[in-house]
Amino acid sequence: CNCEVDCEKVECIVDYIEDELNEITNNSDFQKYQDFIKEYSGVILHPNHFLLTTARRNLMQYLCYSVPIFEKSQQEDLEFRVKLCKDFYDVLNKIDPGWSELAMFGQRELHFNRLSLLQRNFASGKVPFNEFSVKSRDSMEILKKIDAQKKIIAFKK
């Protein structure tokens, strides 16, 4: 795009969007994070902007601790969770490639949700056994590594 915008105008827009994000957080209206991400990602903000990454993290935490995955979860919900976790972890892994608590949370949620979706797709016949076997083993190994790292970190405290 050849559009040029004043630095002050950009700061004003970002401040407005940040205020909106803070309002969502302060009002505990967690479902609005999804609308926030859709509204601003790639339209006004870069898809990896810190405000969108923060919104993804907050939504992931809400979904993780308040809306557990049940067998009755809709396919679209699981697919959304996997995409949300992947988008968050892809950004986080570039700025925090280690084993911080936040990195382990992001990776754990990504692989747990990926595994849940994979199990559903295998059960419905959308994924053949060979693919299910390889992908589920990969996610299980990563989840075990995360658990081992948590124990090491807890031991060092």
N, C-alpha and C. Protein backbone atom coordinates (compact mmCIF):
# COMPACT_ATOMS: atom_id res chain seq x y z
N CYS A 1 0.84 -1.18 0.00
CA CYS A 1 0.00 0.00 0.00
C CYS A 1 0.88 1.24 0.00
N ASN A 2 0.53 2.20 -0.75
CA ASN A 2 1.31 3.44 -0.84
C ASN A 2 0.78 4.52 0.10
N CYS A 3 -0.07 4.14 1.01
CA CYS A 3 -0.67 5.10 1.92
C CYS A 3 0.33 5.51 3.00
N GLU A 4 0.47 6.80 3.21
CA GLU A 4 1.33 7.32 4.26
C GLU A 4 0.46 7.97 5.33
N VAL A 5 0.80 7.70 6.59
CA VAL A 5 0.04 8.23 7.71
C VAL A 5 1.01 8.84 8.70
N ASP A 6 0.61 9.98 9.25
CA ASP A 6 1.41 10.65 10.27
C ASP A 6 1.68 9.72 11.45
N CYS A 7 2.85 9.85 12.03
CA CYS A 7 3.20 9.07 13.21
C CYS A 7 2.21 9.34 14.34
N GLU A 8 1.81 10.59 14.51
CA GLU A 8 0.86 10.94 15.57
C GLU A 8 -0.49 10.27 15.36
N LYS A 9 -0.91 10.18 14.10
CA LYS A 9 -2.19 9.53 13.81
C LYS A 9 -2.10 8.03 14.10
N VAL A 10 -0.97 7.42 13.75
CA VAL A 10 -0.77 6.00 14.03
C VAL A 10 -0.80 5.76 15.54
N GLU A 11 -0.10 6.62 16.29
CA GLU A 11 -0.10 6.49 17.75
C GLU A 11 -1.51 6.63 18.32
N CYS A 12 -2.28 7.54 17.77
CA CYS A 12 -3.66 7.76 18.22
C CYS A 12 -4.51 6.51 17.95
N ILE A 13 -4.36 5.92 16.79
CA ILE A 13 -5.11 4.72 16.43
C ILE A 13 -4.73 3.56 17.35
N VAL A 14 -3.43 3.37 17.55
CA VAL A 14 -2.97 2.28 18.41
C VAL A 14 -3.44 2.50 19.85
N ASP A 15 -3.38 3.73 20.33
CA ASP A 15 -3.87 4.03 21.68
C ASP A 15 -5.36 3.70 21.81
N TYR A 16 -6.14 4.07 20.79
CA TYR A 16 -7.58 3.78 20.79
C TYR A 16 -7.82 2.27 20.84
N ILE A 17 -7.09 1.52 20.03
CA ILE A 17 -7.25 0.07 19.98
C ILE A 17 -6.79 -0.55 21.31
N GLU A 18 -5.72 -0.03 21.87
CA GLU A 18 -5.24 -0.54 23.16
C GLU A 18 -6.27 -0.28 24.26
N ASP A 19 -6.90 0.88 24.23
CA ASP A 19 -7.96 1.19 25.20
C ASP A 19 -9.13 0.21 25.05
N GLU A 20 -9.46 -0.13 23.81
CA GLU A 20 -10.53 -1.09 23.57
C GLU A 20 -10.17 -2.46 24.15
N LEU A 21 -8.92 -2.88 23.94
CA LEU A 21 -8.45 -4.15 24.48
C LEU A 21 -8.49 -4.13 26.01
N ASN A 22 -8.06 -3.03 26.61
CA ASN A 22 -8.09 -2.91 28.07
C ASN A 22 -9.53 -2.95 28.60
N GLU A 23 -10.44 -2.37 27.86
CA GLU A 23 -11.85 -2.39 28.26
C GLU A 23 -12.40 -3.81 28.25
N ILE A 24 -12.04 -4.57 27.24
CA ILE A 24 -12.47 -5.98 27.18
C ILE A 24 -11.93 -6.72 28.39
N THR A 25 -10.66 -6.49 28.70
CA THR A 25 -10.03 -7.16 29.83
C THR A 25 -10.67 -6.73 31.15
N ASN A 26 -10.84 -5.43 31.33
CA ASN A 26 -11.39 -4.91 32.59
C ASN A 26 -12.84 -5.32 32.81
N ASN A 27 -13.60 -5.48 31.75
CA ASN A 27 -15.01 -5.88 31.86
C ASN A 27 -15.18 -7.40 31.89
N SER A 28 -14.07 -8.12 31.77
CA SER A 28 -14.10 -9.59 31.75
C SER A 28 -15.06 -10.13 30.70
N ASP A 29 -15.13 -9.44 29.57
CA ASP A 29 -16.00 -9.86 28.47
C ASP A 29 -15.14 -10.62 27.46
N PHE A 30 -14.70 -11.80 27.87
CA PHE A 30 -13.68 -12.54 27.15
C PHE A 30 -14.09 -12.97 25.75
N GLN A 31 -15.37 -13.18 25.52
CA GLN A 31 -15.81 -13.57 24.19
C GLN A 31 -15.55 -12.47 23.16
N LYS A 32 -15.43 -11.23 23.63
CA LYS A 32 -15.17 -10.12 22.70
C LYS A 32 -13.74 -10.14 22.16
N TYR A 33 -12.86 -10.90 22.80
CA TYR A 33 -11.50 -11.02 22.26
C TYR A 33 -11.52 -11.56 20.84
N GLN A 34 -12.40 -12.52 20.60
CA GLN A 34 -12.50 -13.12 19.26
C GLN A 34 -12.90 -12.06 18.23
N ASP A 35 -13.87 -11.22 18.56
CA ASP A 35 -14.28 -10.14 17.66
C ASP A 35 -13.14 -9.14 17.47
N PHE A 36 -12.43 -8.82 18.55
CA PHE A 36 -11.31 -7.89 18.50
C PHE A 36 -10.24 -8.40 17.53
N ILE A 37 -9.90 -9.67 17.64
CA ILE A 37 -8.88 -10.27 16.78
C ILE A 37 -9.32 -10.23 15.31
N LYS A 38 -10.57 -10.60 15.06
CA LYS A 38 -11.08 -10.59 13.68
C LYS A 38 -11.11 -9.18 13.11
N GLU A 39 -11.53 -8.23 13.93
CA GLU A 39 -11.70 -6.86 13.45
C GLU A 39 -10.38 -6.19 13.09
N TYR A 40 -9.33 -6.44 13.86
CA TYR A 40 -8.09 -5.68 13.67
C TYR A 40 -6.96 -6.45 12.99
N SER A 41 -7.02 -7.77 12.97
CA SER A 41 -5.91 -8.56 12.43
C SER A 41 -5.80 -8.41 10.92
N GLY A 42 -4.68 -7.84 10.48
CA GLY A 42 -4.42 -7.69 9.05
C GLY A 42 -5.18 -6.56 8.40
N VAL A 43 -6.07 -5.93 9.14
CA VAL A 43 -6.85 -4.82 8.59
C VAL A 43 -6.21 -3.51 9.02
N ILE A 44 -6.16 -3.31 10.32
CA ILE A 44 -5.56 -2.09 10.86
C ILE A 44 -4.20 -2.41 11.48
N LEU A 45 -4.11 -3.55 12.13
CA LEU A 45 -2.87 -3.97 12.78
C LEU A 45 -2.26 -5.14 12.02
N HIS A 46 -0.95 -5.22 12.06
CA HIS A 46 -0.26 -6.39 11.52
C HIS A 46 -0.75 -7.62 12.29
N PRO A 47 -0.94 -8.76 11.63
CA PRO A 47 -1.46 -9.95 12.32
C PRO A 47 -0.63 -10.36 13.56
N ASN A 48 0.63 -9.96 13.61
CA ASN A 48 1.49 -10.32 14.74
C ASN A 48 1.70 -9.16 15.72
N HIS A 49 0.91 -8.11 15.60
CA HIS A 49 1.05 -6.93 16.46
C HIS A 49 0.89 -7.36 17.93
N PHE A 50 1.59 -6.65 18.82
CA PHE A 50 1.56 -7.04 20.23
C PHE A 50 0.16 -6.99 20.84
N LEU A 51 -0.70 -6.09 20.37
CA LEU A 51 -2.05 -6.03 20.91
C LEU A 51 -2.85 -7.28 20.52
N LEU A 52 -2.67 -7.75 19.29
CA LEU A 52 -3.36 -8.97 18.86
C LEU A 52 -2.78 -10.20 19.56
N THR A 53 -1.47 -10.21 19.77
CA THR A 53 -0.84 -11.31 20.48
C THR A 53 -1.33 -11.36 21.93
N THR A 54 -1.48 -10.19 22.53
CA THR A 54 -2.01 -10.11 23.89
C THR A 54 -3.46 -10.61 23.93
N ALA A 55 -4.26 -10.20 22.97
CA ALA A 55 -5.65 -10.64 22.91
C ALA A 55 -5.72 -12.16 22.73
N ARG A 56 -4.86 -12.71 21.90
CA ARG A 56 -4.83 -14.17 21.69
C ARG A 56 -4.48 -14.89 23.00
N ARG A 57 -3.45 -14.38 23.68
CA ARG A 57 -3.06 -15.00 24.95
C ARG A 57 -4.22 -14.96 25.94
N ASN A 58 -4.86 -13.81 26.07
CA ASN A 58 -5.96 -13.68 27.02
C ASN A 58 -7.12 -14.61 26.66
N LEU A 59 -7.44 -14.70 25.38
CA LEU A 59 -8.51 -15.58 24.95
C LEU A 59 -8.13 -17.04 25.18
N MET A 60 -6.89 -17.40 24.91
CA MET A 60 -6.43 -18.76 25.17
C MET A 60 -6.57 -19.11 26.65
N GLN A 61 -6.15 -18.18 27.52
CA GLN A 61 -6.26 -18.44 28.95
C GLN A 61 -7.72 -18.60 29.36
N TYR A 62 -8.58 -17.75 28.84
CA TYR A 62 -10.00 -17.86 29.15
C TYR A 62 -10.54 -19.22 28.69
N LEU A 63 -10.25 -19.59 27.46
CA LEU A 63 -10.76 -20.86 26.94
C LEU A 63 -10.17 -22.05 27.70
N CYS A 64 -8.92 -21.95 28.06
CA CYS A 64 -8.24 -23.03 28.76
C CYS A 64 -8.83 -23.26 30.15
N TYR A 65 -9.06 -22.19 30.88
CA TYR A 65 -9.47 -22.32 32.28
C TYR A 65 -10.97 -22.21 32.50
N SER A 66 -11.70 -21.68 31.55
CA SER A 66 -13.13 -21.45 31.76
C SER A 66 -14.03 -22.26 30.83
N VAL A 67 -13.52 -22.63 29.66
CA VAL A 67 -14.34 -23.33 28.68
C VAL A 67 -13.60 -24.61 28.27
N PRO A 68 -13.65 -25.64 29.13
CA PRO A 68 -12.89 -26.86 28.81
C PRO A 68 -13.44 -27.56 27.56
N ILE A 69 -12.55 -28.33 26.96
CA ILE A 69 -12.93 -29.09 25.77
C ILE A 69 -13.69 -30.34 26.21
N PHE A 70 -14.86 -30.51 25.68
CA PHE A 70 -15.64 -31.71 25.92
C PHE A 70 -15.81 -32.44 24.60
N GLU A 71 -16.25 -33.66 24.67
CA GLU A 71 -16.48 -34.40 23.44
C GLU A 71 -17.55 -33.72 22.58
N LYS A 72 -18.40 -32.91 23.21
CA LYS A 72 -19.46 -32.24 22.47
C LYS A 72 -18.98 -30.97 21.77
N SER A 73 -17.71 -30.60 21.95
CA SER A 73 -17.20 -29.40 21.29
C SER A 73 -17.41 -29.52 19.79
N GLN A 74 -17.80 -28.43 19.19
CA GLN A 74 -18.03 -28.40 17.75
C GLN A 74 -16.69 -28.44 17.00
N GLN A 75 -16.70 -28.99 15.82
CA GLN A 75 -15.52 -29.06 14.98
C GLN A 75 -14.92 -27.67 14.76
N GLU A 76 -15.78 -26.69 14.48
CA GLU A 76 -15.31 -25.33 14.23
C GLU A 76 -14.63 -24.75 15.46
N ASP A 77 -15.15 -25.07 16.66
CA ASP A 77 -14.55 -24.58 17.90
C ASP A 77 -13.14 -25.13 18.07
N LEU A 78 -12.97 -26.40 17.82
CA LEU A 78 -11.64 -27.01 17.93
C LEU A 78 -10.69 -26.44 16.89
N GLU A 79 -11.18 -26.28 15.66
CA GLU A 79 -10.34 -25.70 14.62
C GLU A 79 -9.94 -24.27 14.98
N PHE A 80 -10.87 -23.50 15.53
CA PHE A 80 -10.58 -22.14 15.97
C PHE A 80 -9.52 -22.14 17.07
N ARG A 81 -9.66 -23.04 18.04
CA ARG A 81 -8.69 -23.10 19.13
C ARG A 81 -7.29 -23.45 18.62
N VAL A 82 -7.22 -24.39 17.69
CA VAL A 82 -5.91 -24.75 17.14
C VAL A 82 -5.30 -23.56 16.41
N LYS A 83 -6.08 -22.86 15.60
CA LYS A 83 -5.56 -21.70 14.88
C LYS A 83 -5.14 -20.60 15.85
N LEU A 84 -5.96 -20.34 16.85
CA LEU A 84 -5.64 -19.34 17.86
C LEU A 84 -4.31 -19.66 18.54
N CYS A 85 -4.16 -20.89 18.96
CA CYS A 85 -2.94 -21.31 19.66
C CYS A 85 -1.74 -21.28 18.72
N LYS A 86 -1.93 -21.69 17.49
CA LYS A 86 -0.82 -21.69 16.51
C LYS A 86 -0.38 -20.26 16.22
N ASP A 87 -1.34 -19.37 15.98
CA ASP A 87 -1.00 -17.97 15.71
C ASP A 87 -0.24 -17.35 16.88
N PHE A 88 -0.70 -17.64 18.10
CA PHE A 88 -0.03 -17.11 19.29
C PHE A 88 1.37 -17.71 19.43
N TYR A 89 1.47 -19.03 19.33
CA TYR A 89 2.76 -19.68 19.55
C TYR A 89 3.77 -19.34 18.45
N ASP A 90 3.33 -19.16 17.23
CA ASP A 90 4.24 -18.79 16.15
C ASP A 90 4.93 -17.46 16.45
N VAL A 91 4.19 -16.51 17.00
CA VAL A 91 4.77 -15.21 17.35
C VAL A 91 5.64 -15.36 18.60
N LEU A 92 5.10 -16.00 19.61
CA LEU A 92 5.83 -16.14 20.87
C LEU A 92 7.14 -16.89 20.69
N ASN A 93 7.14 -17.91 19.87
CA ASN A 93 8.34 -18.71 19.67
C ASN A 93 9.48 -17.90 19.06
N LYS A 94 9.15 -16.85 18.34
CA LYS A 94 10.19 -16.00 17.75
C LYS A 94 10.80 -15.05 18.79
N ILE A 95 10.01 -14.62 19.77
CA ILE A 95 10.53 -13.69 20.76
C ILE A 95 10.90 -14.38 22.07
N ASP A 96 10.40 -15.60 22.28
CA ASP A 96 10.69 -16.36 23.49
C ASP A 96 10.81 -17.83 23.13
N PRO A 97 11.93 -18.21 22.48
CA PRO A 97 12.05 -19.58 21.98
C PRO A 97 12.39 -20.62 23.05
N GLY A 98 12.50 -20.19 24.29
CA GLY A 98 12.92 -21.10 25.36
C GLY A 98 11.76 -21.79 26.06
N TRP A 99 11.99 -22.06 27.33
CA TRP A 99 11.03 -22.81 28.14
C TRP A 99 10.43 -21.94 29.25
N SER A 100 10.10 -20.71 28.93
CA SER A 100 9.45 -19.85 29.92
C SER A 100 8.06 -20.40 30.22
N GLU A 101 7.47 -19.92 31.30
CA GLU A 101 6.13 -20.37 31.65
C GLU A 101 5.12 -20.05 30.54
N LEU A 102 5.24 -18.86 29.96
CA LEU A 102 4.32 -18.47 28.89
C LEU A 102 4.55 -19.32 27.64
N ALA A 103 5.80 -19.59 27.31
CA ALA A 103 6.10 -20.42 26.14
C ALA A 103 5.56 -21.84 26.33
N MET A 104 5.72 -22.37 27.55
CA MET A 104 5.21 -23.72 27.81
C MET A 104 3.67 -23.73 27.76
N PHE A 105 3.04 -22.67 28.27
CA PHE A 105 1.58 -22.57 28.19
C PHE A 105 1.13 -22.57 26.73
N GLY A 106 1.76 -21.73 25.91
CA GLY A 106 1.39 -21.65 24.50
C GLY A 106 1.56 -22.97 23.78
N GLN A 107 2.69 -23.60 24.03
CA GLN A 107 2.97 -24.87 23.37
C GLN A 107 2.04 -25.97 23.87
N ARG A 108 1.78 -25.99 25.18
CA ARG A 108 0.88 -27.00 25.74
C ARG A 108 -0.52 -26.87 25.15
N GLU A 109 -1.04 -25.65 25.11
CA GLU A 109 -2.38 -25.44 24.57
C GLU A 109 -2.46 -25.79 23.09
N LEU A 110 -1.42 -25.43 22.34
CA LEU A 110 -1.39 -25.77 20.92
C LEU A 110 -1.48 -27.28 20.72
N HIS A 111 -0.64 -28.02 21.42
CA HIS A 111 -0.59 -29.47 21.18
C HIS A 111 -1.77 -30.20 21.82
N PHE A 112 -2.28 -29.71 22.92
CA PHE A 112 -3.47 -30.32 23.51
C PHE A 112 -4.67 -30.15 22.58
N ASN A 113 -4.86 -28.93 22.08
CA ASN A 113 -5.98 -28.68 21.16
C ASN A 113 -5.78 -29.40 19.83
N ARG A 114 -4.55 -29.43 19.34
CA ARG A 114 -4.26 -30.14 18.10
C ARG A 114 -4.58 -31.63 18.26
N LEU A 115 -4.20 -32.18 19.41
CA LEU A 115 -4.47 -33.59 19.68
C LEU A 115 -5.97 -33.86 19.79
N SER A 116 -6.70 -32.96 20.43
CA SER A 116 -8.16 -33.11 20.55
C SER A 116 -8.83 -33.09 19.17
N LEU A 117 -8.40 -32.16 18.32
CA LEU A 117 -8.94 -32.08 16.96
C LEU A 117 -8.56 -33.32 16.16
N LEU A 118 -7.35 -33.76 16.30
CA LEU A 118 -6.88 -34.95 15.58
C LEU A 118 -7.69 -36.18 16.00
N GLN A 119 -7.96 -36.34 17.29
CA GLN A 119 -8.75 -37.47 17.77
C GLN A 119 -10.17 -37.43 17.19
N ARG A 120 -10.73 -36.24 17.16
CA ARG A 120 -12.09 -36.09 16.59
C ARG A 120 -12.07 -36.45 15.11
N ASN A 121 -11.08 -35.95 14.37
CA ASN A 121 -11.00 -36.21 12.94
C ASN A 121 -10.75 -37.69 12.65
N PHE A 122 -9.96 -38.34 13.49
CA PHE A 122 -9.72 -39.78 13.31
C PHE A 122 -11.01 -40.56 13.58
N ALA A 123 -11.71 -40.21 14.66
CA ALA A 123 -12.94 -40.90 15.02
C ALA A 123 -14.02 -40.76 13.94
N SER A 124 -14.01 -39.62 13.25
CA SER A 124 -15.02 -39.39 12.21
C SER A 124 -14.56 -39.90 10.84
N GLY A 125 -13.36 -40.45 10.77
CA GLY A 125 -12.86 -41.00 9.51
C GLY A 125 -12.21 -39.98 8.59
N LYS A 126 -12.01 -38.75 9.05
CA LYS A 126 -11.39 -37.72 8.21
C LYS A 126 -9.88 -37.87 8.14
N VAL A 127 -9.30 -38.58 9.09
CA VAL A 127 -7.85 -38.76 9.14
C VAL A 127 -7.55 -40.26 9.18
N PRO A 128 -6.69 -40.76 8.28
CA PRO A 128 -6.35 -42.18 8.30
C PRO A 128 -5.47 -42.52 9.52
N PHE A 129 -5.43 -43.79 9.85
CA PHE A 129 -4.71 -44.25 11.03
C PHE A 129 -3.24 -43.84 11.02
N ASN A 130 -2.56 -43.99 9.88
CA ASN A 130 -1.13 -43.66 9.81
C ASN A 130 -0.87 -42.20 10.18
N GLU A 131 -1.66 -41.30 9.62
CA GLU A 131 -1.51 -39.88 9.92
C GLU A 131 -1.83 -39.61 11.40
N PHE A 132 -2.90 -40.21 11.87
CA PHE A 132 -3.28 -40.06 13.29
C PHE A 132 -2.16 -40.53 14.20
N SER A 133 -1.60 -41.67 13.88
CA SER A 133 -0.55 -42.25 14.71
C SER A 133 0.67 -41.34 14.80
N VAL A 134 1.14 -40.84 13.67
CA VAL A 134 2.34 -39.99 13.64
C VAL A 134 2.08 -38.65 14.33
N LYS A 135 0.99 -37.99 13.97
CA LYS A 135 0.72 -36.66 14.52
C LYS A 135 0.39 -36.72 16.01
N SER A 136 -0.34 -37.74 16.42
CA SER A 136 -0.67 -37.83 17.85
C SER A 136 0.59 -38.14 18.66
N ARG A 137 1.46 -38.97 18.12
CA ARG A 137 2.72 -39.28 18.81
C ARG A 137 3.57 -38.02 18.95
N ASP A 138 3.64 -37.22 17.89
CA ASP A 138 4.41 -35.97 17.94
C ASP A 138 3.87 -35.04 19.03
N SER A 139 2.56 -34.86 19.07
CA SER A 139 1.97 -33.97 20.08
C SER A 139 2.17 -34.54 21.49
N MET A 140 2.02 -35.84 21.65
CA MET A 140 2.22 -36.45 22.97
C MET A 140 3.67 -36.29 23.44
N GLU A 141 4.63 -36.44 22.53
CA GLU A 141 6.04 -36.26 22.90
C GLU A 141 6.31 -34.83 23.34
N ILE A 142 5.74 -33.87 22.65
CA ILE A 142 5.93 -32.47 23.02
C ILE A 142 5.28 -32.19 24.37
N LEU A 143 4.09 -32.72 24.60
CA LEU A 143 3.43 -32.54 25.89
C LEU A 143 4.25 -33.16 27.03
N LYS A 144 4.89 -34.30 26.78
CA LYS A 144 5.76 -34.93 27.78
C LYS A 144 6.99 -34.06 28.05
N LYS A 145 7.57 -33.48 26.99
CA LYS A 145 8.73 -32.58 27.17
C LYS A 145 8.36 -31.37 28.02
N ILE A 146 7.18 -30.82 27.77
CA ILE A 146 6.72 -29.67 28.54
C ILE A 146 6.59 -30.05 30.00
N ASP A 147 6.00 -31.22 30.27
CA ASP A 147 5.85 -31.69 31.64
C ASP A 147 7.21 -31.87 32.31
N ALA A 148 8.16 -32.44 31.58
CA ALA A 148 9.51 -32.63 32.13
C ALA A 148 10.18 -31.29 32.42
N GLN A 149 10.02 -30.32 31.52
CA GLN A 149 10.61 -28.99 31.74
C GLN A 149 9.98 -28.31 32.95
N LYS A 150 8.69 -28.47 33.13
CA LYS A 150 8.02 -27.88 34.29
C LYS A 150 8.59 -28.44 35.58
N LYS A 151 8.86 -29.74 35.60
CA LYS A 151 9.44 -30.38 36.79
C LYS A 151 10.85 -29.86 37.05
N ILE A 152 11.62 -29.66 36.02
CA ILE A 152 12.98 -29.13 36.17
C ILE A 152 12.93 -27.71 36.72
N ILE A 153 12.05 -26.89 36.17
CA ILE A 153 11.93 -25.52 36.61
C ILE A 153 11.45 -25.48 38.07
N ALA A 154 10.49 -26.31 38.41
CA ALA A 154 9.99 -26.37 39.79
C ALA A 154 11.07 -26.84 40.74
N PHE A 155 11.92 -27.75 40.31
CA PHE A 155 13.00 -28.26 41.13
C PHE A 155 14.05 -27.19 41.42
N LYS A 156 14.31 -26.32 40.43
CA LYS A 156 15.32 -25.27 40.56
C LYS A 156 14.88 -24.13 41.46
N LYS A 157 13.59 -23.98 41.71
CA LYS A 157 13.10 -22.87 42.55
C LYS A 157 13.51 -22.99 43.96
